[in-house]
Amino acid sequence: MRNLLNFLWKNYAFFLFLFFESISLSMLFSSGHQSAIFSYTSNQMAGKFYQTYDDIWQYFHLTQTNSDLMAENIRLRTQLEETKMIRDTTIFNEITILSDTFKLKNDTLIKDSIVFYRDTTKPNFEYISAKVISNSIRKPKNYLMLNKGKNQGIKKNMGVVGPYGGVGIVYAVSDDFCTVISFLNTQSLISAKIQRNNELGSLQWDGKNPSIAHLKSIETYIPIQIGETVVSSGFSHIFPEGILLGTIKDFHMVDGSNTYNIDIQLSTKFSKLKYVSIIRNRFYEEQIELERRNLHDN
């Protein structure tokens, strides 16, 4: 068994070559229908390949894997506690308001009718755990592949976070796998804000240092400081508000402009990323449809 694993490990480049060679077959498909079928099949086949490769990698890196799992468990427990806090606060506020018009008997709220109010105990965002089975960080346009797909409820435009912050956005989905546009992609543009003062900007990578991105559109009259935290704004409907993105490392004024170019030290170490959570916004379709109506009306 070990000889087989060593053989696969030493020759993974050859198998990777075979995979990319198969991609060239896409040139043979000209119609949209054929291209869609091939793209879907290619994503599924690539997922199977990287899954096998990842299983071998995991065999030789169990210590790092356990560390990543522990960090992810801590993050999930934190989210659970935050959800409980929201639930308790909501119920307390409702009872406080109702107690002005309803009688309390033995600390129990009573009335000869049913009282309805919006249930905010169920979060707007749900998290689906996934494993990273492919990841690039050295290209101008980097992607990840995860071992979750349509069969697990994954859809395009879902956000992805890791143990230490934001990671990317789901781009394509097959039955059991999905590809993710990494934050380390020059086409990725994330709605962000400075946590202290809620000043909005756009986070974008320039294709150079995989640990540094840039926060743009912050005007120079806004006081900012090195070390300040930058989080997701929540305005994209993809990420909840407050997902950690990074901290301000440096900043300078843009020539001929009244805005800063701010260097952000990304919180996620993409080279070590193995486990993530995919975020499902329960109201994403409803929110996007409403925005489309507003644009149409204007």
C-alpha atoms as a PDB file:
ATOM      1  CA  MET A   1       0.000   0.000   0.000  1.00  0.00           C
ATOM      2  CA  ARG A   2       2.795   2.421   0.898  1.00  0.00           C
ATOM      3  CA  ASN A   3       4.566   1.645  -2.394  1.00  0.00           C
ATOM      4  CA  LEU A   4       1.405   2.529  -4.273  1.00  0.00           C
ATOM      5  CA  LEU A   5       1.052   5.798  -2.386  1.00  0.00           C
ATOM      6  CA  ASN A   6       4.684   6.680  -3.034  1.00  0.00           C
ATOM      7  CA  PHE A   7       4.247   5.924  -6.737  1.00  0.00           C
ATOM      8  CA  LEU A   8       1.190   8.171  -7.008  1.00  0.00           C
ATOM      9  CA  TRP A   9       2.888  10.914  -5.011  1.00  0.00           C
ATOM     10  CA  LYS A  10       6.035  10.909  -7.148  1.00  0.00           C
ATOM     11  CA  ASN A  11       4.118  10.825 -10.426  1.00  0.00           C
ATOM     12  CA  TYR A  12       1.305  13.244  -9.666  1.00  0.00           C
ATOM     13  CA  ALA A  13       2.710  15.696 -12.234  1.00  0.00           C
ATOM     14  CA  PHE A  14       2.164  13.120 -14.986  1.00  0.00           C
ATOM     15  CA  PHE A  15      -1.428  12.555 -13.946  1.00  0.00           C
ATOM     16  CA  LEU A  16      -1.928  16.304 -13.726  1.00  0.00           C
ATOM     17  CA  PHE A  17      -0.598  16.597 -17.289  1.00  0.00           C
ATOM     18  CA  LEU A  18      -3.153  14.054 -18.480  1.00  0.00           C
ATOM     19  CA  PHE A  19      -5.887  16.084 -16.869  1.00  0.00           C
ATOM     20  CA  PHE A  20      -4.896  19.360 -18.508  1.00  0.00           C
ATOM     21  CA  GLU A  21      -4.408  17.563 -21.809  1.00  0.00           C
ATOM     22  CA  SER A  22      -8.042  16.528 -21.657  1.00  0.00           C
ATOM     23  CA  ILE A  23      -9.037  20.164 -21.252  1.00  0.00           C
ATOM     24  CA  SER A  24      -7.743  20.829 -24.766  1.00  0.00           C
ATOM     25  CA  LEU A  25     -10.579  18.680 -26.074  1.00  0.00           C
ATOM     26  CA  SER A  26     -12.884  21.571 -25.295  1.00  0.00           C
ATOM     27  CA  MET A  27     -11.613  23.181 -28.496  1.00  0.00           C
ATOM     28  CA  LEU A  28     -13.545  20.521 -30.390  1.00  0.00           C
ATOM     29  CA  PHE A  29     -16.852  21.719 -29.025  1.00  0.00           C
ATOM     30  CA  SER A  30     -18.308  24.762 -30.742  1.00  0.00           C
ATOM     31  CA  SER A  31     -21.999  24.835 -29.789  1.00  0.00           C
ATOM     32  CA  GLY A  32     -23.131  26.291 -26.463  1.00  0.00           C
ATOM     33  CA  HIS A  33     -24.917  23.074 -25.549  1.00  0.00           C
ATOM     34  CA  GLN A  34     -21.863  20.896 -26.176  1.00  0.00           C
ATOM     35  CA  SER A  35     -19.600  23.332 -24.348  1.00  0.00           C
ATOM     36  CA  ALA A  36     -21.888  23.352 -21.319  1.00  0.00           C
ATOM     37  CA  ILE A  37     -21.942  19.548 -21.183  1.00  0.00           C
ATOM     38  CA  PHE A  38     -18.170  19.344 -21.527  1.00  0.00           C
ATOM     39  CA  SER A  39     -17.587  22.035 -18.892  1.00  0.00           C
ATOM     40  CA  TYR A  40     -19.841  20.223 -16.428  1.00  0.00           C
ATOM     41  CA  THR A  41     -18.191  16.849 -17.119  1.00  0.00           C
ATOM     42  CA  SER A  42     -14.701  18.352 -16.921  1.00  0.00           C
ATOM     43  CA  ASN A  43     -15.457  19.908 -13.526  1.00  0.00           C
ATOM     44  CA  GLN A  44     -16.763  16.580 -12.223  1.00  0.00           C
ATOM     45  CA  MET A  45     -13.766  14.627 -13.561  1.00  0.00           C
ATOM     46  CA  ALA A  46     -11.324  17.193 -12.202  1.00  0.00           C
ATOM     47  CA  GLY A  47     -13.006  16.927  -8.836  1.00  0.00           C
ATOM     48  CA  LYS A  48     -12.570  13.150  -8.770  1.00  0.00           C
ATOM     49  CA  PHE A  49      -8.901  13.498  -9.703  1.00  0.00           C
ATOM     50  CA  TYR A  50      -8.138  16.123  -7.084  1.00  0.00           C
ATOM     51  CA  GLN A  51     -10.110  14.165  -4.487  1.00  0.00           C
ATOM     52  CA  THR A  52      -7.798  11.174  -4.999  1.00  0.00           C
ATOM     53  CA  TYR A  53      -4.734  13.406  -4.904  1.00  0.00           C
ATOM     54  CA  ASP A  54      -5.991  15.091  -1.737  1.00  0.00           C
ATOM     55  CA  ASP A  55      -6.557  11.741  -0.015  1.00  0.00           C
ATOM     56  CA  ILE A  56      -2.890  10.921  -0.610  1.00  0.00           C
ATOM     57  CA  TRP A  57      -1.816  14.371   0.609  1.00  0.00           C
ATOM     58  CA  GLN A  58      -3.868  13.950   3.768  1.00  0.00           C
ATOM     59  CA  TYR A  59      -2.084  10.682   4.542  1.00  0.00           C
ATOM     60  CA  PHE A  60       1.246  12.507   4.798  1.00  0.00           C
ATOM     61  CA  HIS A  61      -0.024  15.700   6.501  1.00  0.00           C
ATOM     62  CA  LEU A  62      -2.279  14.561   9.332  1.00  0.00           C
ATOM     63  CA  THR A  63      -0.778  16.985  11.880  1.00  0.00           C
ATOM     64  CA  GLN A  64      -1.516  20.099   9.817  1.00  0.00           C
ATOM     65  CA  THR A  65      -4.974  18.754   8.991  1.00  0.00           C
ATOM     66  CA  ASN A  66      -5.816  18.319  12.675  1.00  0.00           C
ATOM     67  CA  SER A  67      -4.698  21.893  13.404  1.00  0.00           C
ATOM     68  CA  ASP A  68      -6.930  23.253  10.658  1.00  0.00           C
ATOM     69  CA  LEU A  69      -9.876  21.220  11.925  1.00  0.00           C
ATOM     70  CA  MET A  70      -9.408  22.539  15.446  1.00  0.00           C
ATOM     71  CA  ALA A  71      -9.371  26.137  14.192  1.00  0.00           C
ATOM     72  CA  GLU A  72     -12.516  25.540  12.161  1.00  0.00           C
ATOM     73  CA  ASN A  73     -14.296  23.987  15.162  1.00  0.00           C
ATOM     74  CA  ILE A  74     -13.458  27.047  17.246  1.00  0.00           C
ATOM     75  CA  ARG A  75     -14.923  29.336  14.577  1.00  0.00           C
ATOM     76  CA  LEU A  76     -18.110  27.277  14.335  1.00  0.00           C
ATOM     77  CA  ARG A  77     -18.565  27.236  18.098  1.00  0.00           C
ATOM     78  CA  THR A  78     -18.176  31.012  18.124  1.00  0.00           C
ATOM     79  CA  GLN A  79     -20.899  31.347  15.500  1.00  0.00           C
ATOM     80  CA  LEU A  80     -23.175  29.094  17.554  1.00  0.00           C
ATOM     81  CA  GLU A  81     -22.745  31.253  20.637  1.00  0.00           C
ATOM     82  CA  GLU A  82     -23.462  34.401  18.616  1.00  0.00           C
ATOM     83  CA  THR A  83     -26.661  32.823  17.304  1.00  0.00           C
ATOM     84  CA  LYS A  84     -27.773  31.973  20.847  1.00  0.00           C
ATOM     85  CA  MET A  85     -27.099  35.552  21.934  1.00  0.00           C
ATOM     86  CA  ILE A  86     -29.241  36.940  19.103  1.00  0.00           C
ATOM     87  CA  ARG A  87     -32.055  34.544  19.993  1.00  0.00           C
ATOM     88  CA  ASP A  88     -32.042  35.444  23.692  1.00  0.00           C
ATOM     89  CA  THR A  89     -31.966  39.176  22.937  1.00  0.00           C
ATOM     90  CA  THR A  90     -34.875  38.903  20.490  1.00  0.00           C
ATOM     91  CA  ILE A  91     -37.118  37.022  22.923  1.00  0.00           C
ATOM     92  CA  PHE A  92     -36.277  39.428  25.756  1.00  0.00           C
ATOM     93  CA  ASN A  93     -37.127  42.479  23.660  1.00  0.00           C
ATOM     94  CA  GLU A  94     -40.447  41.016  22.536  1.00  0.00           C
ATOM     95  CA  ILE A  95     -41.533  40.201  26.088  1.00  0.00           C
ATOM     96  CA  THR A  96     -40.461  43.646  27.303  1.00  0.00           C
ATOM     97  CA  ILE A  97     -42.655  45.322  24.684  1.00  0.00           C
ATOM     98  CA  LEU A  98     -45.618  43.037  25.233  1.00  0.00           C
ATOM     99  CA  SER A  99     -45.516  43.353  29.023  1.00  0.00           C
ATOM    100  CA  ASP A 100     -46.870  46.895  28.724  1.00  0.00           C
ATOM    101  CA  THR A 101     -50.219  45.607  27.440  1.00  0.00           C
ATOM    102  CA  PHE A 102     -50.378  42.014  28.706  1.00  0.00           C
ATOM    103  CA  LYS A 103     -50.622  40.756  32.245  1.00  0.00           C
ATOM    104  CA  LEU A 104     -47.981  38.554  33.774  1.00  0.00           C
ATOM    105  CA  LYS A 105     -49.061  35.729  36.043  1.00  0.00           C
ATOM    106  CA  ASN A 106     -46.340  33.841  37.880  1.00  0.00           C
ATOM    107  CA  ASP A 107     -43.802  35.301  35.429  1.00  0.00           C
ATOM    108  CA  THR A 108     -45.766  33.785  32.519  1.00  0.00           C
ATOM    109  CA  LEU A 109     -47.156  35.875  29.676  1.00  0.00           C
ATOM    110  CA  ILE A 110     -50.903  35.185  29.280  1.00  0.00           C
ATOM    111  CA  LYS A 111     -53.763  36.390  27.067  1.00  0.00           C
ATOM    112  CA  ASP A 112     -56.812  34.807  25.461  1.00  0.00           C
ATOM    113  CA  SER A 113     -55.288  34.962  21.998  1.00  0.00           C
ATOM    114  CA  ILE A 114     -52.137  33.984  20.123  1.00  0.00           C
ATOM    115  CA  VAL A 115     -49.329  36.503  19.780  1.00  0.00           C
ATOM    116  CA  PHE A 116     -47.280  36.405  16.570  1.00  0.00           C
ATOM    117  CA  TYR A 117     -43.945  38.063  15.867  1.00  0.00           C
ATOM    118  CA  ARG A 118     -41.170  37.489  13.391  1.00  0.00           C
ATOM    119  CA  ASP A 119     -38.931  34.549  14.253  1.00  0.00           C
ATOM    120  CA  THR A 120     -35.372  35.846  14.087  1.00  0.00           C
ATOM    121  CA  THR A 121     -33.929  32.825  15.861  1.00  0.00           C
ATOM    122  CA  LYS A 122     -33.126  31.137  12.529  1.00  0.00           C
ATOM    123  CA  PRO A 123     -30.066  32.814  10.999  1.00  0.00           C
ATOM    124  CA  ASN A 124     -30.167  34.321   7.517  1.00  0.00           C
ATOM    125  CA  PHE A 125     -26.902  32.574   6.707  1.00  0.00           C
ATOM    126  CA  GLU A 126     -26.164  28.863   6.958  1.00  0.00           C
ATOM    127  CA  TYR A 127     -22.725  27.223   6.815  1.00  0.00           C
ATOM    128  CA  ILE A 128     -21.770  24.050   4.935  1.00  0.00           C
ATOM    129  CA  SER A 129     -18.356  22.552   5.695  1.00  0.00           C
ATOM    130  CA  ALA A 130     -16.095  21.550   2.794  1.00  0.00           C
ATOM    131  CA  LYS A 131     -12.558  20.403   2.068  1.00  0.00           C
ATOM    132  CA  VAL A 132     -10.180  22.175  -0.318  1.00  0.00           C
ATOM    133  CA  ILE A 133      -8.950  19.593  -2.847  1.00  0.00           C
ATOM    134  CA  SER A 134      -7.246  21.986  -5.272  1.00  0.00           C
ATOM    135  CA  ASN A 135      -5.837  25.474  -4.775  1.00  0.00           C
ATOM    136  CA  SER A 136      -3.639  27.884  -6.740  1.00  0.00           C
ATOM    137  CA  ILE A 137      -2.036  31.075  -5.399  1.00  0.00           C
ATOM    138  CA  ARG A 138       0.680  32.033  -7.921  1.00  0.00           C
ATOM    139  CA  LYS A 139      -1.425  32.982 -10.942  1.00  0.00           C
ATOM    140  CA  PRO A 140      -3.163  36.293 -11.701  1.00  0.00           C
ATOM    141  CA  LYS A 141      -6.512  34.470 -11.564  1.00  0.00           C
ATOM    142  CA  ASN A 142      -6.536  31.830  -8.852  1.00  0.00           C
ATOM    143  CA  TYR A 143      -9.243  29.289  -8.062  1.00  0.00           C
ATOM    144  CA  LEU A 144      -9.985  26.625  -5.486  1.00  0.00           C
ATOM    145  CA  MET A 145     -11.913  23.388  -5.869  1.00  0.00           C
ATOM    146  CA  LEU A 146     -14.042  22.051  -2.993  1.00  0.00           C
ATOM    147  CA  ASN A 147     -15.544  18.618  -2.421  1.00  0.00           C
ATOM    148  CA  LYS A 148     -19.150  19.850  -2.261  1.00  0.00           C
ATOM    149  CA  GLY A 149     -21.576  20.448  -5.144  1.00  0.00           C
ATOM    150  CA  LYS A 150     -25.215  20.476  -6.213  1.00  0.00           C
ATOM    151  CA  ASN A 151     -25.984  17.292  -4.311  1.00  0.00           C
ATOM    152  CA  GLN A 152     -25.004  19.094  -1.111  1.00  0.00           C
ATOM    153  CA  GLY A 153     -27.026  22.227  -1.920  1.00  0.00           C
ATOM    154  CA  ILE A 154     -24.180  24.348  -3.294  1.00  0.00           C
ATOM    155  CA  LYS A 155     -25.005  27.062  -5.843  1.00  0.00           C
ATOM    156  CA  LYS A 156     -23.100  29.701  -7.771  1.00  0.00           C
ATOM    157  CA  ASN A 157     -22.372  32.977  -5.919  1.00  0.00           C
ATOM    158  CA  MET A 158     -22.208  31.460  -2.441  1.00  0.00           C
ATOM    159  CA  GLY A 159     -19.500  32.912  -0.214  1.00  0.00           C
ATOM    160  CA  VAL A 160     -16.636  30.811   1.159  1.00  0.00           C
ATOM    161  CA  VAL A 161     -14.805  31.436   4.443  1.00  0.00           C
ATOM    162  CA  GLY A 162     -11.949  29.657   6.176  1.00  0.00           C
ATOM    163  CA  PRO A 163     -10.842  29.348   9.795  1.00  0.00           C
ATOM    164  CA  TYR A 164      -9.313  32.833   9.725  1.00  0.00           C
ATOM    165  CA  GLY A 165     -11.559  34.828   7.380  1.00  0.00           C
ATOM    166  CA  GLY A 166     -12.887  35.270   3.850  1.00  0.00           C
ATOM    167  CA  VAL A 167     -11.701  33.034   1.014  1.00  0.00           C
ATOM    168  CA  GLY A 168     -13.755  33.524  -2.155  1.00  0.00           C
ATOM    169  CA  ILE A 169     -17.031  33.055  -4.046  1.00  0.00           C
ATOM    170  CA  VAL A 170     -18.429  29.909  -5.690  1.00  0.00           C
ATOM    171  CA  TYR A 171     -18.056  30.197  -9.473  1.00  0.00           C
ATOM    172  CA  ALA A 172     -19.097  26.845 -11.003  1.00  0.00           C
ATOM    173  CA  VAL A 173     -20.845  23.773  -9.595  1.00  0.00           C
ATOM    174  CA  SER A 174     -21.122  20.109 -10.619  1.00  0.00           C
ATOM    175  CA  ASP A 175     -22.923  17.306  -8.789  1.00  0.00           C
ATOM    176  CA  ASP A 176     -20.299  16.765  -6.092  1.00  0.00           C
ATOM    177  CA  PHE A 177     -17.736  19.549  -6.524  1.00  0.00           C
ATOM    178  CA  CYS A 178     -17.484  23.300  -6.991  1.00  0.00           C
ATOM    179  CA  THR A 179     -14.845  25.778  -8.106  1.00  0.00           C
ATOM    180  CA  VAL A 180     -14.319  29.004  -6.178  1.00  0.00           C
ATOM    181  CA  ILE A 181     -12.937  32.346  -7.347  1.00  0.00           C
ATOM    182  CA  SER A 182     -10.291  33.046  -4.733  1.00  0.00           C
ATOM    183  CA  PHE A 183      -9.726  36.484  -3.241  1.00  0.00           C
ATOM    184  CA  LEU A 184      -6.339  35.996  -4.941  1.00  0.00           C
ATOM    185  CA  ASN A 185      -7.935  36.670  -8.310  1.00  0.00           C
ATOM    186  CA  THR A 186      -7.580  40.006 -10.079  1.00  0.00           C
ATOM    187  CA  GLN A 187     -11.234  39.820 -11.143  1.00  0.00           C
ATOM    188  CA  SER A 188     -12.486  39.399  -7.578  1.00  0.00           C
ATOM    189  CA  LEU A 189     -14.002  42.542  -6.035  1.00  0.00           C
ATOM    190  CA  ILE A 190     -15.313  42.326  -2.470  1.00  0.00           C
ATOM    191  CA  SER A 191     -17.518  44.867  -0.695  1.00  0.00           C
ATOM    192  CA  ALA A 192     -15.634  45.694   2.506  1.00  0.00           C
ATOM    193  CA  LYS A 193     -15.515  48.241   5.292  1.00  0.00           C
ATOM    194  CA  ILE A 194     -13.240  49.454   8.050  1.00  0.00           C
ATOM    195  CA  GLN A 195     -14.716  47.948  11.193  1.00  0.00           C
ATOM    196  CA  ARG A 196     -14.122  50.921  13.482  1.00  0.00           C
ATOM    197  CA  ASN A 197     -15.933  53.583  11.447  1.00  0.00           C
ATOM    198  CA  ASN A 198     -17.949  51.539   8.889  1.00  0.00           C
ATOM    199  CA  GLU A 199     -16.319  53.352   5.955  1.00  0.00           C
ATOM    200  CA  LEU A 200     -17.078  51.387   2.779  1.00  0.00           C
ATOM    201  CA  GLY A 201     -14.562  50.350   0.141  1.00  0.00           C
ATOM    202  CA  SER A 202     -13.727  47.602  -2.348  1.00  0.00           C
ATOM    203  CA  LEU A 203     -11.150  44.905  -1.636  1.00  0.00           C
ATOM    204  CA  GLN A 204      -9.155  43.720  -4.658  1.00  0.00           C
ATOM    205  CA  TRP A 205      -5.946  41.776  -5.261  1.00  0.00           C
ATOM    206  CA  ASP A 206      -3.365  43.126  -7.733  1.00  0.00           C
ATOM    207  CA  GLY A 207      -1.883  39.765  -8.741  1.00  0.00           C
ATOM    208  CA  LYS A 208       1.396  40.176  -6.840  1.00  0.00           C
ATOM    209  CA  ASN A 209       1.825  39.320  -3.150  1.00  0.00           C
ATOM    210  CA  PRO A 210      -0.557  36.484  -2.105  1.00  0.00           C
ATOM    211  CA  SER A 211      -0.800  37.896   1.417  1.00  0.00           C
ATOM    212  CA  ILE A 212      -1.642  41.509   0.464  1.00  0.00           C
ATOM    213  CA  ALA A 213      -4.788  42.957  -1.145  1.00  0.00           C
ATOM    214  CA  HIS A 214      -5.867  46.579  -1.591  1.00  0.00           C
ATOM    215  CA  LEU A 215      -8.811  48.491  -0.168  1.00  0.00           C
ATOM    216  CA  LYS A 216      -9.970  51.228  -2.533  1.00  0.00           C
ATOM    217  CA  SER A 217     -12.490  54.094  -2.579  1.00  0.00           C
ATOM    218  CA  ILE A 218     -11.762  55.305   0.972  1.00  0.00           C
ATOM    219  CA  GLU A 219     -11.553  59.117   0.799  1.00  0.00           C
ATOM    220  CA  THR A 220      -8.559  60.903   2.271  1.00  0.00           C
ATOM    221  CA  TYR A 221     -10.538  62.961   4.780  1.00  0.00           C
ATOM    222  CA  ILE A 222     -11.359  59.717   6.614  1.00  0.00           C
ATOM    223  CA  PRO A 223      -8.923  59.109   9.505  1.00  0.00           C
ATOM    224  CA  ILE A 224      -7.428  55.617   9.299  1.00  0.00           C
ATOM    225  CA  GLN A 225      -4.688  53.830  11.213  1.00  0.00           C
ATOM    226  CA  ILE A 226      -2.296  50.972  10.548  1.00  0.00           C
ATOM    227  CA  GLY A 227      -3.530  47.820  12.254  1.00  0.00           C
ATOM    228  CA  GLU A 228      -7.245  48.567  11.890  1.00  0.00           C
ATOM    229  CA  THR A 229      -9.522  45.654  11.072  1.00  0.00           C
ATOM    230  CA  VAL A 230     -11.259  45.318   7.698  1.00  0.00           C
ATOM    231  CA  VAL A 231     -14.388  43.152   7.415  1.00  0.00           C
ATOM    232  CA  SER A 232     -17.117  42.340   4.895  1.00  0.00           C
ATOM    233  CA  SER A 233     -19.805  45.016   4.561  1.00  0.00           C
ATOM    234  CA  GLY A 234     -22.720  42.603   4.158  1.00  0.00           C
ATOM    235  CA  PHE A 235     -24.052  44.615   1.194  1.00  0.00           C
ATOM    236  CA  SER A 236     -23.304  41.985  -1.472  1.00  0.00           C
ATOM    237  CA  HIS A 237     -25.776  39.404  -0.043  1.00  0.00           C
ATOM    238  CA  ILE A 238     -22.965  36.852  -0.424  1.00  0.00           C
ATOM    239  CA  PHE A 239     -21.102  37.328   2.860  1.00  0.00           C
ATOM    240  CA  PRO A 240     -22.644  38.245   6.209  1.00  0.00           C
ATOM    241  CA  GLU A 241     -21.566  41.539   7.677  1.00  0.00           C
ATOM    242  CA  GLY A 242     -18.415  41.356   9.757  1.00  0.00           C
ATOM    243  CA  ILE A 243     -16.494  38.470   8.164  1.00  0.00           C
ATOM    244  CA  LEU A 244     -12.808  39.136   8.831  1.00  0.00           C
ATOM    245  CA  LEU A 245     -10.839  40.058   5.696  1.00  0.00           C
ATOM    246  CA  GLY A 246      -7.614  41.478   7.097  1.00  0.00           C
ATOM    247  CA  THR A 247      -5.888  44.433   8.733  1.00  0.00           C
ATOM    248  CA  ILE A 248      -4.462  47.694   7.394  1.00  0.00           C
ATOM    249  CA  LYS A 249      -0.733  47.273   6.799  1.00  0.00           C
ATOM    250  CA  ASP A 250       0.036  50.542   4.997  1.00  0.00           C
ATOM    251  CA  PHE A 251      -1.694  53.326   3.064  1.00  0.00           C
ATOM    252  CA  HIS A 252      -0.948  56.279   0.814  1.00  0.00           C
ATOM    253  CA  MET A 253      -2.822  58.845  -1.239  1.00  0.00           C
ATOM    254  CA  VAL A 254      -3.530  58.088  -4.889  1.00  0.00           C
ATOM    255  CA  ASP A 255      -1.966  60.721  -7.152  1.00  0.00           C
ATOM    256  CA  GLY A 256      -4.569  63.015  -8.681  1.00  0.00           C
ATOM    257  CA  SER A 257      -7.316  61.589  -6.499  1.00  0.00           C
ATOM    258  CA  ASN A 258      -8.940  62.222  -3.137  1.00  0.00           C
ATOM    259  CA  THR A 259      -8.825  58.546  -2.131  1.00  0.00           C
ATOM    260  CA  TYR A 260      -6.352  56.234  -0.421  1.00  0.00           C
ATOM    261  CA  ASN A 261      -4.752  53.083  -1.733  1.00  0.00           C
ATOM    262  CA  ILE A 262      -4.706  50.915   1.383  1.00  0.00           C
ATOM    263  CA  ASP A 263      -2.610  47.752   1.708  1.00  0.00           C
ATOM    264  CA  ILE A 264      -4.515  45.014   3.542  1.00  0.00           C
ATOM    265  CA  GLN A 265      -2.751  42.098   5.207  1.00  0.00           C
ATOM    266  CA  LEU A 266      -5.160  39.276   4.391  1.00  0.00           C
ATOM    267  CA  SER A 267      -6.264  37.242   7.393  1.00  0.00           C
ATOM    268  CA  THR A 268      -6.429  33.987   5.406  1.00  0.00           C
ATOM    269  CA  LYS A 269      -3.195  32.123   4.643  1.00  0.00           C
ATOM    270  CA  PHE A 270      -4.206  30.717   1.273  1.00  0.00           C
ATOM    271  CA  SER A 271      -1.162  28.448   0.936  1.00  0.00           C
ATOM    272  CA  LYS A 272      -2.239  26.505   4.047  1.00  0.00           C
ATOM    273  CA  LEU A 273      -5.974  26.406   3.390  1.00  0.00           C
ATOM    274  CA  LYS A 274      -7.510  22.931   3.725  1.00  0.00           C
ATOM    275  CA  TYR A 275     -10.955  23.265   5.329  1.00  0.00           C
ATOM    276  CA  VAL A 276     -13.578  25.947   4.662  1.00  0.00           C
ATOM    277  CA  SER A 277     -17.268  26.728   5.108  1.00  0.00           C
ATOM    278  CA  ILE A 278     -19.602  27.583   2.235  1.00  0.00           C
ATOM    279  CA  ILE A 279     -22.165  30.247   3.132  1.00  0.00           C
ATOM    280  CA  ARG A 280     -25.782  29.978   2.031  1.00  0.00           C
ATOM    281  CA  ASN A 281     -27.895  33.124   2.260  1.00  0.00           C
ATOM    282  CA  ARG A 282     -31.477  31.903   2.707  1.00  0.00           C
ATOM    283  CA  PHE A 283     -32.811  35.111   1.150  1.00  0.00           C
ATOM    284  CA  TYR A 284     -30.257  35.574  -1.658  1.00  0.00           C
ATOM    285  CA  GLU A 285     -32.665  35.006  -4.579  1.00  0.00           C
ATOM    286  CA  GLU A 286     -35.307  37.241  -3.004  1.00  0.00           C
ATOM    287  CA  GLN A 287     -32.831  40.062  -2.413  1.00  0.00           C
ATOM    288  CA  ILE A 288     -31.333  39.869  -5.913  1.00  0.00           C
ATOM    289  CA  GLU A 289     -34.778  39.814  -7.543  1.00  0.00           C
ATOM    290  CA  LEU A 290     -35.815  42.915  -5.606  1.00  0.00           C
ATOM    291  CA  GLU A 291     -32.653  44.722  -6.689  1.00  0.00           C
ATOM    292  CA  ARG A 292     -33.360  43.798 -10.313  1.00  0.00           C
ATOM    293  CA  ARG A 293     -36.843  45.279 -10.031  1.00  0.00           C
ATOM    294  CA  ASN A 294     -35.409  48.488  -8.616  1.00  0.00           C
ATOM    295  CA  LEU A 295     -32.950  48.762 -11.512  1.00  0.00           C
ATOM    296  CA  HIS A 296     -35.738  48.106 -14.019  1.00  0.00           C
ATOM    297  CA  ASP A 297     -37.954  50.781 -12.457  1.00  0.00           C
ATOM    298  CA  ASN A 298     -35.148  53.319 -12.722  1.00  0.00           C
END
